[in-house]
C-alpha atoms as a PDB file:
ATOM      1  CA  UNK A   1     121.179  86.954  89.557  1.00  0.00           C
ATOM      2  CA  UNK A   2     120.743  88.162  93.086  1.00  0.00           C
ATOM      3  CA  UNK A   3     118.252  86.787  95.582  1.00  0.00           C
ATOM      4  CA  UNK A   4     115.943  89.271  97.308  1.00  0.00           C
ATOM      5  CA  UNK A   5     113.908  88.529 100.419  1.00  0.00           C
ATOM      6  CA  UNK A   6     110.460  90.061 100.467  1.00  0.00           C
ATOM      7  CA  UNK A   7     108.983  90.374 103.965  1.00  0.00           C
ATOM      8  CA  UNK A   8     105.243  90.886 104.147  1.00  0.00           C
ATOM      9  CA  UNK A   9     102.244  90.567 106.425  1.00  0.00           C
ATOM     10  CA  UNK A  10      99.822  87.941 105.159  1.00  0.00           C
ATOM     11  CA  UNK A  11      96.019  88.123 105.355  1.00  0.00           C
ATOM     12  CA  UNK A  12      96.163  86.896 108.966  1.00  0.00           C
ATOM     13  CA  UNK A  13      98.705  89.531 110.026  1.00  0.00           C
ATOM     14  CA  UNK A  14     101.544  86.996 110.280  1.00  0.00           C
ATOM     15  CA  UNK A  15     104.931  88.069 108.945  1.00  0.00           C
ATOM     16  CA  UNK A  16     106.100  85.876 106.068  1.00  0.00           C
ATOM     17  CA  UNK A  17     109.036  85.954 103.660  1.00  0.00           C
ATOM     18  CA  UNK A  18     109.515  84.993 100.041  1.00  0.00           C
ATOM     19  CA  UNK A  19     112.791  84.826  98.126  1.00  0.00           C
ATOM     20  CA  UNK A  20     112.803  86.260  94.621  1.00  0.00           C
ATOM     21  CA  UNK A  21     115.586  86.142  92.033  1.00  0.00           C
ATOM     22  CA  UNK A  22     116.243  89.348  90.140  1.00  0.00           C
ATOM     23  CA  UNK A  23     119.186  91.273  88.700  1.00  0.00           C
ATOM     24  CA  UNK A  24     118.012  94.445  90.460  1.00  0.00           C
ATOM     25  CA  UNK A  25     116.109  95.247  93.639  1.00  0.00           C
ATOM     26  CA  UNK A  26     112.429  94.790  92.792  1.00  0.00           C
ATOM     27  CA  UNK A  27     110.059  97.662  93.454  1.00  0.00           C
ATOM     28  CA  UNK A  28     107.082  97.093  95.739  1.00  0.00           C
ATOM     29  CA  UNK A  29     104.887  96.749  92.632  1.00  0.00           C
ATOM     30  CA  UNK A  30     107.185  94.108  91.119  1.00  0.00           C
ATOM     31  CA  UNK A  31     107.257  92.237  94.432  1.00  0.00           C
ATOM     32  CA  UNK A  32     103.460  92.422  94.696  1.00  0.00           C
ATOM     33  CA  UNK A  33     103.140  91.052  91.159  1.00  0.00           C
ATOM     34  CA  UNK A  34     105.263  88.066  92.227  1.00  0.00           C
ATOM     35  CA  UNK A  35     103.380  87.544  95.516  1.00  0.00           C
ATOM     36  CA  UNK A  36      99.859  87.751  94.120  1.00  0.00           C
ATOM     37  CA  UNK A  37      99.830  84.478  92.107  1.00  0.00           C
ATOM     38  CA  UNK A  38     101.481  82.603  94.989  1.00  0.00           C
ATOM     39  CA  UNK A  39      99.109  83.838  97.682  1.00  0.00           C
ATOM     40  CA  UNK A  40      95.952  84.090  95.569  1.00  0.00           C
ATOM     41  CA  UNK A  41      96.284  81.884  92.465  1.00  0.00           C
ATOM     42  CA  UNK A  42      92.688  82.340  91.323  1.00  0.00           C
ATOM     43  CA  UNK A  43      92.685  86.099  91.857  1.00  0.00           C
ATOM     44  CA  UNK A  44      95.930  86.452  89.921  1.00  0.00           C
ATOM     45  CA  UNK A  45      93.980  85.685  86.746  1.00  0.00           C
ATOM     46  CA  UNK A  46      91.732  88.706  87.346  1.00  0.00           C
ATOM     47  CA  UNK A  47      92.538  91.845  85.448  1.00  0.00           C
ATOM     48  CA  UNK A  48      93.550  95.062  87.189  1.00  0.00           C
ATOM     49  CA  UNK A  49      92.609  97.096  84.115  1.00  0.00           C
ATOM     50  CA  UNK A  50      90.317  99.367  86.129  1.00  0.00           C
ATOM     51  CA  UNK A  51      93.257 100.518  88.262  1.00  0.00           C
ATOM     52  CA  UNK A  52      96.000 100.367  85.640  1.00  0.00           C
ATOM     53  CA  UNK A  53      97.100 103.861  84.710  1.00  0.00           C
ATOM     54  CA  UNK A  54      94.764 105.498  87.222  1.00  0.00           C
ATOM     55  CA  UNK A  55      96.685 104.658  90.348  1.00  0.00           C
ATOM     56  CA  UNK A  56     100.311 104.117  91.211  1.00  0.00           C
ATOM     57  CA  UNK A  57     101.179 100.525  92.107  1.00  0.00           C
ATOM     58  CA  UNK A  58      97.772  98.904  91.408  1.00  0.00           C
ATOM     59  CA  UNK A  59      98.893  95.429  92.537  1.00  0.00           C
ATOM     60  CA  UNK A  60     100.226  96.752  95.849  1.00  0.00           C
ATOM     61  CA  UNK A  61      96.971  98.653  96.400  1.00  0.00           C
ATOM     62  CA  UNK A  62      94.792  95.638  95.556  1.00  0.00           C
ATOM     63  CA  UNK A  63      96.743  93.274  97.825  1.00  0.00           C
ATOM     64  CA  UNK A  64      96.553  95.720 100.723  1.00  0.00           C
ATOM     65  CA  UNK A  65      92.938  96.871 100.384  1.00  0.00           C
ATOM     66  CA  UNK A  66      91.264  93.640  99.277  1.00  0.00           C
ATOM     67  CA  UNK A  67      93.484  90.967 100.802  1.00  0.00           C
ATOM     68  CA  UNK A  68      95.129  92.707 103.802  1.00  0.00           C
ATOM     69  CA  UNK A  69      98.616  91.811 102.522  1.00  0.00           C
ATOM     70  CA  UNK A  70     101.260  94.457 103.150  1.00  0.00           C
ATOM     71  CA  UNK A  71     104.869  94.404 101.964  1.00  0.00           C
ATOM     72  CA  UNK A  72     107.185  95.362 104.816  1.00  0.00           C
ATOM     73  CA  UNK A  73     110.632  95.243 103.217  1.00  0.00           C
ATOM     74  CA  UNK A  74     112.685  94.084 100.258  1.00  0.00           C
ATOM     75  CA  UNK A  75     116.298  93.297 101.092  1.00  0.00           C
ATOM     76  CA  UNK A  76     119.105  91.378  99.454  1.00  0.00           C
ATOM     77  CA  UNK A  77     119.338  87.861 100.887  1.00  0.00           C
ATOM     78  CA  UNK A  78     122.548  87.129 102.727  1.00  0.00           C
END
């Protein structure tokens, strides 16, 4: 498995990173699905059913609009 570094702006606008193991480069949605339970453990139990299928990347959209978290980049860790 490869290690991928996800760079993102947290709710305070501070750049943070998180390493994620995956065989392939995760999409922004996959990265957001990994970030959400780490950053917001209680909110991760909430269902995104109202957005699922109606919008592309519902987890990315929810993190950005409701929690001010924005993924900046996903690169292979060196």
